[in-house]
Amino acid sequence: MSPAWAIDDTKLVYAKVGITGTQKQTMVQTYDFTGYSLGLGYKQFIYKQLYAFGEVNYADYGTTSNSRNSSGTQSLNGLNVLIGVGYKF
């Protein structure tokens, strides 16, 4: 899902909400993680269908318990920043 707000005819601010998942494998066991992702972005048209954008995304994959040969928990999260140029067909 990606709600957006138009600033004017060439500028757009948007938010992103989603679910995410990944898997971590060790020599002993496999851990499955599921969680959520959140993002904020800005898009500005430069010329006709050509646009520039910037985006920040955060993902929290949750926490899982160790169940074999050890005790404790593992958690994963990540942050990425995207800057680019795009073309709308």
PDB file of N, CA and C in Angstrom:
ATOM      1  N   MET A   1       0.846  -1.163   0.000  1.00  0.00           N
ATOM      2  CA  MET A   1       0.000   0.000   0.000  1.00  0.00           C
ATOM      3  C   MET A   1       0.896   1.231   0.000  1.00  0.00           C
ATOM      4  N   SER A   2       0.515   2.257  -0.768  1.00  0.00           N
ATOM      5  CA  SER A   2       1.336   3.450  -0.874  1.00  0.00           C
ATOM      6  C   SER A   2       0.470   4.698  -1.029  1.00  0.00           C
ATOM      7  N   PRO A   3      -0.029   5.259   0.075  1.00  0.00           N
ATOM      8  CA  PRO A   3      -0.787   6.502  -0.034  1.00  0.00           C
ATOM      9  C   PRO A   3       0.134   7.653  -0.438  1.00  0.00           C
ATOM     10  N   ALA A   4      -0.405   8.620  -1.200  1.00  0.00           N
ATOM     11  CA  ALA A   4       0.409   9.735  -1.687  1.00  0.00           C
ATOM     12  C   ALA A   4      -0.347  11.046  -1.549  1.00  0.00           C
ATOM     13  N   TRP A   5       0.413  12.126  -1.438  1.00  0.00           N
ATOM     14  CA  TRP A   5      -0.134  13.467  -1.338  1.00  0.00           C
ATOM     15  C   TRP A   5       0.550  14.349  -2.366  1.00  0.00           C
ATOM     16  N   ALA A   6      -0.230  14.940  -3.252  1.00  0.00           N
ATOM     17  CA  ALA A   6       0.307  15.836  -4.275  1.00  0.00           C
ATOM     18  C   ALA A   6       0.567  17.211  -3.660  1.00  0.00           C
ATOM     19  N   ILE A   7       1.789  17.678  -3.804  1.00  0.00           N
ATOM     20  CA  ILE A   7       2.133  19.028  -3.355  1.00  0.00           C
ATOM     21  C   ILE A   7       1.683  20.027  -4.420  1.00  0.00           C
ATOM     22  N   ASP A   8       1.989  19.720  -5.672  1.00  0.00           N
ATOM     23  CA  ASP A   8       1.491  20.456  -6.828  1.00  0.00           C
ATOM     24  C   ASP A   8       1.518  19.512  -8.029  1.00  0.00           C
ATOM     25  N   ASP A   9       1.475  20.032  -9.242  1.00  0.00           N
ATOM     26  CA  ASP A   9       1.409  19.179 -10.430  1.00  0.00           C
ATOM     27  C   ASP A   9       2.664  18.347 -10.672  1.00  0.00           C
ATOM     28  N   THR A  10       3.802  18.735 -10.099  1.00  0.00           N
ATOM     29  CA  THR A  10       5.060  18.024 -10.372  1.00  0.00           C
ATOM     30  C   THR A  10       5.696  17.385  -9.148  1.00  0.00           C
ATOM     31  N   LYS A  11       5.133  17.578  -7.965  1.00  0.00           N
ATOM     32  CA  LYS A  11       5.750  17.076  -6.723  1.00  0.00           C
ATOM     33  C   LYS A  11       4.783  16.183  -5.963  1.00  0.00           C
ATOM     34  N   LEU A  12       5.318  15.105  -5.412  1.00  0.00           N
ATOM     35  CA  LEU A  12       4.497  14.117  -4.717  1.00  0.00           C
ATOM     36  C   LEU A  12       5.251  13.587  -3.503  1.00  0.00           C
ATOM     37  N   VAL A  13       4.568  13.503  -2.369  1.00  0.00           N
ATOM     38  CA  VAL A  13       5.106  12.866  -1.163  1.00  0.00           C
ATOM     39  C   VAL A  13       4.276  11.616  -0.932  1.00  0.00           C
ATOM     40  N   TYR A  14       4.935  10.507  -0.588  1.00  0.00           N
ATOM     41  CA  TYR A  14       4.203   9.261  -0.402  1.00  0.00           C
ATOM     42  C   TYR A  14       4.741   8.470   0.781  1.00  0.00           C
ATOM     43  N   ALA A  15       3.870   7.618   1.293  1.00  0.00           N
ATOM     44  CA  ALA A  15       4.225   6.717   2.393  1.00  0.00           C
ATOM     45  C   ALA A  15       4.004   5.289   1.922  1.00  0.00           C
ATOM     46  N   LYS A  16       4.749   4.367   2.503  1.00  0.00           N
ATOM     47  CA  LYS A  16       4.617   2.951   2.153  1.00  0.00           C
ATOM     48  C   LYS A  16       4.458   2.128   3.425  1.00  0.00           C
ATOM     49  N   VAL A  17       3.560   1.157   3.367  1.00  0.00           N
ATOM     50  CA  VAL A  17       3.347   0.232   4.473  1.00  0.00           C
ATOM     51  C   VAL A  17       3.271  -1.163   3.875  1.00  0.00           C
ATOM     52  N   GLY A  18       3.954  -2.126   4.485  1.00  0.00           N
ATOM     53  CA  GLY A  18       3.911  -3.480   3.935  1.00  0.00           C
ATOM     54  C   GLY A  18       4.308  -4.531   4.949  1.00  0.00           C
ATOM     55  N   ILE A  19       4.269  -5.764   4.507  1.00  0.00           N
ATOM     56  CA  ILE A  19       4.761  -6.881   5.314  1.00  0.00           C
ATOM     57  C   ILE A  19       6.031  -7.401   4.646  1.00  0.00           C
ATOM     58  N   THR A  20       6.902  -7.979   5.447  1.00  0.00           N
ATOM     59  CA  THR A  20       8.175  -8.448   4.929  1.00  0.00           C
ATOM     60  C   THR A  20       8.559  -9.745   5.628  1.00  0.00           C
ATOM     61  N   GLY A  21       9.438 -10.471   5.037  1.00  0.00           N
ATOM     62  CA  GLY A  21       9.907 -11.719   5.626  1.00  0.00           C
ATOM     63  C   GLY A  21      11.275 -12.087   5.091  1.00  0.00           C
ATOM     64  N   THR A  22      11.998 -12.845   5.861  1.00  0.00           N
ATOM     65  CA  THR A  22      13.309 -13.335   5.433  1.00  0.00           C
ATOM     66  C   THR A  22      13.638 -14.598   6.217  1.00  0.00           C
ATOM     67  N   GLN A  23      14.717 -15.218   5.840  1.00  0.00           N
ATOM     68  CA  GLN A  23      15.155 -16.450   6.480  1.00  0.00           C
ATOM     69  C   GLN A  23      16.653 -16.355   6.745  1.00  0.00           C
ATOM     70  N   LYS A  24      17.066 -16.769   7.925  1.00  0.00           N
ATOM     71  CA  LYS A  24      18.485 -16.798   8.290  1.00  0.00           C
ATOM     72  C   LYS A  24      18.869 -18.246   8.525  1.00  0.00           C
ATOM     73  N   GLN A  25      19.927 -18.688   7.840  1.00  0.00           N
ATOM     74  CA  GLN A  25      20.383 -20.072   7.992  1.00  0.00           C
ATOM     75  C   GLN A  25      21.746 -20.089   8.659  1.00  0.00           C
ATOM     76  N   THR A  26      21.867 -20.960   9.647  1.00  0.00           N
ATOM     77  CA  THR A  26      23.162 -21.212  10.278  1.00  0.00           C
ATOM     78  C   THR A  26      23.514 -22.672  10.019  1.00  0.00           C
ATOM     79  N   MET A  27      24.662 -23.097  10.503  1.00  0.00           N
ATOM     80  CA  MET A  27      25.051 -24.499  10.320  1.00  0.00           C
ATOM     81  C   MET A  27      24.146 -25.427  11.114  1.00  0.00           C
ATOM     82  N   VAL A  28      23.507 -24.901  12.147  1.00  0.00           N
ATOM     83  CA  VAL A  28      22.714 -25.718  13.052  1.00  0.00           C
ATOM     84  C   VAL A  28      21.220 -25.654  12.749  1.00  0.00           C
ATOM     85  N   GLN A  29      20.712 -24.487  12.374  1.00  0.00           N
ATOM     86  CA  GLN A  29      19.266 -24.358  12.223  1.00  0.00           C
ATOM     87  C   GLN A  29      18.906 -23.204  11.293  1.00  0.00           C
ATOM     88  N   THR A  30      17.644 -23.150  10.903  1.00  0.00           N
ATOM     89  CA  THR A  30      17.101 -22.091  10.056  1.00  0.00           C
ATOM     90  C   THR A  30      16.090 -21.285  10.856  1.00  0.00           C
ATOM     91  N   TYR A  31      16.193 -19.973  10.773  1.00  0.00           N
ATOM     92  CA  TYR A  31      15.286 -19.069  11.461  1.00  0.00           C
ATOM     93  C   TYR A  31      14.413 -18.367  10.432  1.00  0.00           C
ATOM     94  N   ASP A  32      13.101 -18.358  10.637  1.00  0.00           N
ATOM     95  CA  ASP A  32      12.163 -17.643   9.778  1.00  0.00           C
ATOM     96  C   ASP A  32      11.699 -16.377  10.488  1.00  0.00           C
ATOM     97  N   PHE A  33      11.777 -15.248   9.806  1.00  0.00           N
ATOM     98  CA  PHE A  33      11.365 -13.966  10.364  1.00  0.00           C
ATOM     99  C   PHE A  33      10.263 -13.369   9.491  1.00  0.00           C
ATOM    100  N   THR A  34       9.263 -12.790  10.109  1.00  0.00           N
ATOM    101  CA  THR A  34       8.251 -12.008   9.395  1.00  0.00           C
ATOM    102  C   THR A  34       8.012 -10.730  10.180  1.00  0.00           C
ATOM    103  N   GLY A  35       7.681  -9.670   9.466  1.00  0.00           N
ATOM    104  CA  GLY A  35       7.472  -8.401  10.140  1.00  0.00           C
ATOM    105  C   GLY A  35       6.814  -7.389   9.234  1.00  0.00           C
ATOM    106  N   TYR A  36       7.129  -6.129   9.459  1.00  0.00           N
ATOM    107  CA  TYR A  36       6.502  -5.038   8.719  1.00  0.00           C
ATOM    108  C   TYR A  36       7.561  -4.113   8.134  1.00  0.00           C
ATOM    109  N   SER A  37       7.148  -3.326   7.155  1.00  0.00           N
ATOM    110  CA  SER A  37       8.029  -2.309   6.578  1.00  0.00           C
ATOM    111  C   SER A  37       7.276  -0.990   6.463  1.00  0.00           C
ATOM    112  N   LEU A  38       8.008   0.098   6.660  1.00  0.00           N
ATOM    113  CA  LEU A  38       7.471   1.447   6.569  1.00  0.00           C
ATOM    114  C   LEU A  38       8.407   2.285   5.710  1.00  0.00           C
ATOM    115  N   GLY A  39       7.862   3.184   4.924  1.00  0.00           N
ATOM    116  CA  GLY A  39       8.708   4.028   4.094  1.00  0.00           C
ATOM    117  C   GLY A  39       8.093   5.390   3.840  1.00  0.00           C
ATOM    118  N   LEU A  40       8.964   6.359   3.559  1.00  0.00           N
ATOM    119  CA  LEU A  40       8.564   7.706   3.164  1.00  0.00           C
ATOM    120  C   LEU A  40       9.347   8.083   1.914  1.00  0.00           C
ATOM    121  N   GLY A  41       8.684   8.758   0.984  1.00  0.00           N
ATOM    122  CA  GLY A  41       9.362   9.119  -0.240  1.00  0.00           C
ATOM    123  C   GLY A  41       8.903  10.451  -0.797  1.00  0.00           C
ATOM    124  N   TYR A  42       9.707  10.953  -1.740  1.00  0.00           N
ATOM    125  CA  TYR A  42       9.424  12.202  -2.433  1.00  0.00           C
ATOM    126  C   TYR A  42       9.736  11.992  -3.901  1.00  0.00           C
ATOM    127  N   LYS A  43       8.821  12.421  -4.766  1.00  0.00           N
ATOM    128  CA  LYS A  43       9.009  12.284  -6.212  1.00  0.00           C
ATOM    129  C   LYS A  43       8.746  13.635  -6.857  1.00  0.00           C
ATOM    130  N   GLN A  44       9.640  14.030  -7.777  1.00  0.00           N
ATOM    131  CA  GLN A  44       9.443  15.279  -8.497  1.00  0.00           C
ATOM    132  C   GLN A  44       9.718  15.067  -9.976  1.00  0.00           C
ATOM    133  N   PHE A  45       8.746  15.435 -10.802  1.00  0.00           N
ATOM    134  CA  PHE A  45       8.928  15.336 -12.245  1.00  0.00           C
ATOM    135  C   PHE A  45       9.871  16.438 -12.709  1.00  0.00           C
ATOM    136  N   ILE A  46      10.835  16.049 -13.547  1.00  0.00           N
ATOM    137  CA  ILE A  46      11.848  16.967 -14.038  1.00  0.00           C
ATOM    138  C   ILE A  46      11.464  17.491 -15.417  1.00  0.00           C
ATOM    139  N   TYR A  47      11.091  16.559 -16.284  1.00  0.00           N
ATOM    140  CA  TYR A  47      10.734  16.917 -17.657  1.00  0.00           C
ATOM    141  C   TYR A  47       9.794  15.856 -18.213  1.00  0.00           C
ATOM    142  N   LYS A  48       8.583  16.245 -18.557  1.00  0.00           N
ATOM    143  CA  LYS A  48       7.552  15.340 -19.074  1.00  0.00           C
ATOM    144  C   LYS A  48       7.431  14.105 -18.194  1.00  0.00           C
ATOM    145  N   GLN A  49       7.822  12.897 -18.666  1.00  0.00           N
ATOM    146  CA  GLN A  49       7.700  11.670 -17.867  1.00  0.00           C
ATOM    147  C   GLN A  49       8.942  11.341 -17.033  1.00  0.00           C
ATOM    148  N   LEU A  50       9.980  12.150 -17.085  1.00  0.00           N
ATOM    149  CA  LEU A  50      11.222  11.917 -16.345  1.00  0.00           C
ATOM    150  C   LEU A  50      11.106  12.503 -14.938  1.00  0.00           C
ATOM    151  N   TYR A  51      11.427  11.698 -13.928  1.00  0.00           N
ATOM    152  CA  TYR A  51      11.318  12.178 -12.549  1.00  0.00           C
ATOM    153  C   TYR A  51      12.512  11.731 -11.712  1.00  0.00           C
ATOM    154  N   ALA A  52      12.746  12.458 -10.633  1.00  0.00           N
ATOM    155  CA  ALA A  52      13.751  12.095  -9.630  1.00  0.00           C
ATOM    156  C   ALA A  52      12.991  11.734  -8.355  1.00  0.00           C
ATOM    157  N   PHE A  53      13.580  10.836  -7.563  1.00  0.00           N
ATOM    158  CA  PHE A  53      12.918  10.445  -6.321  1.00  0.00           C
ATOM    159  C   PHE A  53      13.945  10.155  -5.230  1.00  0.00           C
ATOM    160  N   GLY A  54      13.486  10.242  -4.009  1.00  0.00           N
ATOM    161  CA  GLY A  54      14.257   9.862  -2.837  1.00  0.00           C
ATOM    162  C   GLY A  54      13.331   9.128  -1.885  1.00  0.00           C
ATOM    163  N   GLU A  55      13.849   8.104  -1.231  1.00  0.00           N
ATOM    164  CA  GLU A  55      12.995   7.255  -0.398  1.00  0.00           C
ATOM    165  C   GLU A  55      13.798   6.695   0.761  1.00  0.00           C
ATOM    166  N   VAL A  56      13.166   6.602   1.924  1.00  0.00           N
ATOM    167  CA  VAL A  56      13.759   5.962   3.103  1.00  0.00           C
ATOM    168  C   VAL A  56      12.795   4.867   3.544  1.00  0.00           C
ATOM    169  N   ASN A  57      13.328   3.657   3.741  1.00  0.00           N
ATOM    170  CA  ASN A  57      12.511   2.506   4.143  1.00  0.00           C
ATOM    171  C   ASN A  57      13.103   1.843   5.380  1.00  0.00           C
ATOM    172  N   TYR A  58      12.242   1.458   6.295  1.00  0.00           N
ATOM    173  CA  TYR A  58      12.647   0.734   7.497  1.00  0.00           C
ATOM    174  C   TYR A  58      11.877  -0.583   7.536  1.00  0.00           C
ATOM    175  N   ALA A  59      12.563  -1.661   7.858  1.00  0.00           N
ATOM    176  CA  ALA A  59      11.914  -2.971   7.989  1.00  0.00           C
ATOM    177  C   ALA A  59      12.270  -3.573   9.341  1.00  0.00           C
ATOM    178  N   ASP A  60      11.259  -4.062  10.046  1.00  0.00           N
ATOM    179  CA  ASP A  60      11.447  -4.777  11.304  1.00  0.00           C
ATOM    180  C   ASP A  60      10.948  -6.197  11.076  1.00  0.00           C
ATOM    181  N   TYR A  61      11.864  -7.154  11.088  1.00  0.00           N
ATOM    182  CA  TYR A  61      11.539  -8.547  10.790  1.00  0.00           C
ATOM    183  C   TYR A  61      11.087  -9.333  12.018  1.00  0.00           C
ATOM    184  N   GLY A  62      11.044  -8.688  13.169  1.00  0.00           N
ATOM    185  CA  GLY A  62      10.576  -9.366  14.365  1.00  0.00           C
ATOM    186  C   GLY A  62      11.673 -10.113  15.090  1.00  0.00           C
ATOM    187  N   THR A  63      11.266 -10.908  16.063  1.00  0.00           N
ATOM    188  CA  THR A  63      12.172 -11.664  16.929  1.00  0.00           C
ATOM    189  C   THR A  63      11.761 -13.125  16.932  1.00  0.00           C
ATOM    190  N   THR A  64      12.747 -13.993  16.954  1.00  0.00           N
ATOM    191  CA  THR A  64      12.476 -15.422  17.049  1.00  0.00           C
ATOM    192  C   THR A  64      13.355 -16.024  18.139  1.00  0.00           C
ATOM    193  N   SER A  65      12.896 -17.093  18.741  1.00  0.00           N
ATOM    194  CA  SER A  65      13.643 -17.763  19.814  1.00  0.00           C
ATOM    195  C   SER A  65      14.537 -18.849  19.235  1.00  0.00           C
ATOM    196  N   ASN A  66      15.693 -19.004  19.854  1.00  0.00           N
ATOM    197  CA  ASN A  66      16.557 -20.131  19.515  1.00  0.00           C
ATOM    198  C   ASN A  66      15.954 -21.376  20.146  1.00  0.00           C
ATOM    199  N   SER A  67      15.889 -22.445  19.381  1.00  0.00           N
ATOM    200  CA  SER A  67      15.247 -23.639  19.931  1.00  0.00           C
ATOM    201  C   SER A  67      16.161 -24.860  19.947  1.00  0.00           C
ATOM    202  N   ARG A  68      17.349 -24.732  19.404  1.00  0.00           N
ATOM    203  CA  ARG A  68      18.219 -25.893  19.326  1.00  0.00           C
ATOM    204  C   ARG A  68      19.618 -25.545  19.843  1.00  0.00           C
ATOM    205  N   ASN A  69      20.113 -26.283  20.770  1.00  0.00           N
ATOM    206  CA  ASN A  69      21.488 -26.192  21.278  1.00  0.00           C
ATOM    207  C   ASN A  69      21.853 -24.863  21.940  1.00  0.00           C
ATOM    208  N   SER A  70      20.919 -23.931  22.076  1.00  0.00           N
ATOM    209  CA  SER A  70      21.238 -22.673  22.743  1.00  0.00           C
ATOM    210  C   SER A  70      19.941 -22.011  23.194  1.00  0.00           C
ATOM    211  N   SER A  71      20.080 -20.983  23.983  1.00  0.00           N
ATOM    212  CA  SER A  71      18.897 -20.246  24.407  1.00  0.00           C
ATOM    213  C   SER A  71      19.092 -18.781  24.049  1.00  0.00           C
ATOM    214  N   GLY A  72      17.999 -18.057  24.007  1.00  0.00           N
ATOM    215  CA  GLY A  72      18.065 -16.645  23.658  1.00  0.00           C
ATOM    216  C   GLY A  72      17.162 -16.341  22.478  1.00  0.00           C
ATOM    217  N   THR A  73      17.264 -15.128  21.998  1.00  0.00           N
ATOM    218  CA  THR A  73      16.445 -14.702  20.868  1.00  0.00           C
ATOM    219  C   THR A  73      17.313 -14.014  19.829  1.00  0.00           C
ATOM    220  N   GLN A  74      16.762 -13.935  18.624  1.00  0.00           N
ATOM    221  CA  GLN A  74      17.420 -13.218  17.543  1.00  0.00           C
ATOM    222  C   GLN A  74      16.401 -12.262  16.951  1.00  0.00           C
ATOM    223  N   SER A  75      16.827 -11.052  16.600  1.00  0.00           N
ATOM    224  CA  SER A  75      15.934 -10.100  15.949  1.00  0.00           C
ATOM    225  C   SER A  75      16.662  -9.484  14.761  1.00  0.00           C
ATOM    226  N   LEU A  76      15.880  -9.069  13.765  1.00  0.00           N
ATOM    227  CA  LEU A  76      16.442  -8.453  12.567  1.00  0.00           C
ATOM    228  C   LEU A  76      15.660  -7.198  12.229  1.00  0.00           C
ATOM    229  N   ASN A  77      16.380  -6.164  11.793  1.00  0.00           N
ATOM    230  CA  ASN A  77      15.742  -4.982  11.228  1.00  0.00           C
ATOM    231  C   ASN A  77      16.716  -4.354  10.244  1.00  0.00           C
ATOM    232  N   GLY A  78      16.217  -3.492   9.396  1.00  0.00           N
ATOM    233  CA  GLY A  78      17.073  -2.876   8.394  1.00  0.00           C
ATOM    234  C   GLY A  78      16.543  -1.526   7.951  1.00  0.00           C
ATOM    235  N   LEU A  79      17.430  -0.720   7.400  1.00  0.00           N
ATOM    236  CA  LEU A  79      17.102   0.603   6.895  1.00  0.00           C
ATOM    237  C   LEU A  79      17.781   0.770   5.553  1.00  0.00           C
ATOM    238  N   ASN A  80      17.056   1.288   4.548  1.00  0.00           N
ATOM    239  CA  ASN A  80      17.710   1.594   3.289  1.00  0.00           C
ATOM    240  C   ASN A  80      17.251   2.944   2.779  1.00  0.00           C
ATOM    241  N   VAL A  81      18.116   3.571   1.994  1.00  0.00           N
ATOM    242  CA  VAL A  81      17.858   4.870   1.390  1.00  0.00           C
ATOM    243  C   VAL A  81      18.039   4.707  -0.110  1.00  0.00           C
ATOM    244  N   LEU A  82      17.054   5.149  -0.875  1.00  0.00           N
ATOM    245  CA  LEU A  82      17.111   5.079  -2.330  1.00  0.00           C
ATOM    246  C   LEU A  82      17.050   6.487  -2.905  1.00  0.00           C
ATOM    247  N   ILE A  83      17.911   6.766  -3.868  1.00  0.00           N
ATOM    248  CA  ILE A  83      17.885   8.013  -4.621  1.00  0.00           C
ATOM    249  C   ILE A  83      18.028   7.626  -6.073  1.00  0.00           C
ATOM    250  N   GLY A  84      17.150   8.133  -6.928  1.00  0.00           N
ATOM    251  CA  GLY A  84      17.225   7.708  -8.318  1.00  0.00           C
ATOM    252  C   GLY A  84      16.453   8.586  -9.270  1.00  0.00           C
ATOM    253  N   VAL A  85      16.480   8.147 -10.505  1.00  0.00           N
ATOM    254  CA  VAL A  85      15.771   8.790 -11.601  1.00  0.00           C
ATOM    255  C   VAL A  85      14.902   7.744 -12.250  1.00  0.00           C
ATOM    256  N   GLY A  86      13.684   8.110 -12.636  1.00  0.00           N
ATOM    257  CA  GLY A  86      12.772   7.159 -13.254  1.00  0.00           C
ATOM    258  C   GLY A  86      12.084   7.767 -14.460  1.00  0.00           C
ATOM    259  N   TYR A  87      11.376   6.901 -15.185  1.00  0.00           N
ATOM    260  CA  TYR A  87      10.628   7.324 -16.364  1.00  0.00           C
ATOM    261  C   TYR A  87       9.251   6.696 -16.301  1.00  0.00           C
ATOM    262  N   LYS A  88       8.212   7.520 -16.417  1.00  0.00           N
ATOM    263  CA  LYS A  88       6.838   7.014 -16.388  1.00  0.00           C
ATOM    264  C   LYS A  88       6.376   6.763 -17.811  1.00  0.00           C
ATOM    265  N   PHE A  89       6.058   5.501 -18.122  1.00  0.00           N
ATOM    266  CA  PHE A  89       5.600   5.139 -19.473  1.00  0.00           C
ATOM    267  C   PHE A  89       4.157   5.462 -19.662  1.00  0.00           C
TER     268      PHE A  89
END
